Structure formats: structure tokens, C-alpha cells
């Protein structure tokens, strides 16, 4: 099996976990919990590792906003919701 095939398989196996993490993040953002920053951080790292680069970038932007006390970019959240729908 080629490395590309192995990576594609890993990505497919990770997708349900990523979907669950995104759902968790959406709930935490709606509730305003402090866990949202950690969840965004975890998504930013793992999504990038599995090749979900745009999801990683969006999650990191949310994490940064939560760290600095800036408003969370609703466009980033909406984009993550669109990605979530496609997983």
C-alpha cells in the first residue's frame, strides 16, 4: 500500500472524530465555556496533521481570539460548520 493510500485511510478514519470535536467546539462556543479554547487548540493541531488544513487554520484563529479576548470571528465558525457538514 502506498503512503498516499495509508494517509487517505487514516484521514477517513479520523473524520468521525473530527466531526465530534467540531460539534463539541460549537457547543462550547455557544455556552461560552473556557474549554472552547482547548478544544480549538486540539482541533487546530490534529486536523492539520491529518491534512484538514483549512479546518486547522480556522480552529487556530478561533483559539487565538479566545486566548486574547477578541471576539470570535463568526465567519470562521460558519466556515467550520460548512466543513463539518461535509465530513
Protein backbone atom coordinates (compact mmCIF):
# COMPACT_ATOMS: atom_id res chain seq x y z
CA UNK A 1 0.00 0.00 0.00
CA UNK A 2 1.38 3.41 -0.93
CA UNK A 3 1.92 6.16 1.63
CA UNK A 4 -0.79 8.22 -0.06
CA UNK A 5 -3.25 5.35 0.35
CA UNK A 6 -2.30 4.94 4.01
CA UNK A 7 -2.74 8.66 4.63
CA UNK A 8 -6.10 8.67 2.87
CA UNK A 9 -7.23 5.76 5.03
CA UNK A 10 -6.08 7.50 8.21
CA UNK A 11 -7.86 10.67 7.15
CA UNK A 12 -11.07 8.73 6.56
CA UNK A 13 -10.78 7.04 9.95
CA UNK A 14 -10.16 10.39 11.68
CA UNK A 15 -13.11 12.21 10.06
CA UNK A 16 -15.77 10.99 12.55
CA UNK A 17 -13.56 12.00 15.48
CA UNK A 18 -13.02 15.41 13.90
CA UNK A 19 -16.76 15.81 13.41
CA UNK A 20 -17.34 15.04 17.09
CA UNK A 21 -14.64 17.52 18.13
CA UNK A 22 -16.20 20.22 15.96
CA UNK A 23 -19.62 19.53 17.48
CA UNK A 24 -18.04 19.85 20.92
CA UNK A 25 -16.43 23.16 19.93
CA UNK A 26 -19.72 24.57 18.60
CA UNK A 27 -21.48 23.66 21.85
CA UNK A 28 -18.70 25.15 23.97
CA UNK A 29 -18.72 28.37 21.96
CA UNK A 30 -22.49 28.64 22.36
CA UNK A 31 -22.19 28.05 26.11
CA UNK A 32 -19.20 30.37 26.46
CA UNK A 33 -17.14 27.77 28.32
CA UNK A 34 -13.41 28.13 28.85
CA UNK A 35 -12.92 24.65 27.38
CA UNK A 36 -13.58 26.07 23.90
CA UNK A 37 -10.00 27.35 23.67
CA UNK A 38 -8.55 23.92 24.45
CA UNK A 39 -10.87 22.23 22.01
CA UNK A 40 -9.98 24.72 19.27
CA UNK A 41 -6.29 24.13 20.04
CA UNK A 42 -6.71 20.35 19.79
CA UNK A 43 -8.61 20.63 16.50
CA UNK A 44 -6.03 23.04 15.10
CA UNK A 45 -3.24 20.56 15.75
CA UNK A 46 -4.84 17.26 14.86
CA UNK A 47 -6.79 18.46 11.84
CA UNK A 48 -3.60 19.83 10.32
CA UNK A 49 -1.78 16.57 11.00
CA UNK A 50 -4.41 14.67 9.03
CA UNK A 51 -4.43 17.10 6.12
CA UNK A 52 -7.53 19.11 7.00
CA UNK A 53 -5.55 22.31 6.58
CA UNK A 54 -8.41 24.80 6.28
CA UNK A 55 -10.14 23.38 9.36
CA UNK A 56 -6.83 23.65 11.22
CA UNK A 57 -6.36 27.28 10.19
CA UNK A 58 -9.91 28.22 11.20
CA UNK A 59 -9.63 26.46 14.55
CA UNK A 60 -6.34 28.20 15.28
CA UNK A 61 -7.93 31.58 14.50
CA UNK A 62 -10.72 30.81 16.98
CA UNK A 63 -8.17 29.67 19.55
CA UNK A 64 -6.21 32.91 19.16
CA UNK A 65 -9.35 35.01 19.58
CA UNK A 66 -10.28 33.11 22.73
CA UNK A 67 -6.73 33.48 24.11
CA UNK A 68 -6.62 37.21 23.53
CA UNK A 69 -10.20 38.01 24.49
CA UNK A 70 -11.00 39.20 20.98
CA UNK A 71 -14.41 38.43 19.52
CA UNK A 72 -14.58 35.06 17.78
CA UNK A 73 -14.92 35.55 14.04
CA UNK A 74 -18.40 34.28 13.18
CA UNK A 75 -17.29 33.78 9.57
CA UNK A 76 -14.68 31.30 10.84
CA UNK A 77 -17.33 29.46 12.86
CA UNK A 78 -19.65 29.38 9.84
CA UNK A 79 -16.85 28.03 7.66
CA UNK A 80 -16.15 25.30 10.23
CA UNK A 81 -19.85 24.40 10.20
CA UNK A 82 -19.71 24.00 6.43
CA UNK A 83 -16.67 21.77 6.75
CA UNK A 84 -18.40 19.78 9.49
CA UNK A 85 -21.35 19.15 7.19
CA UNK A 86 -19.04 17.62 4.60
CA UNK A 87 -17.32 15.17 6.97
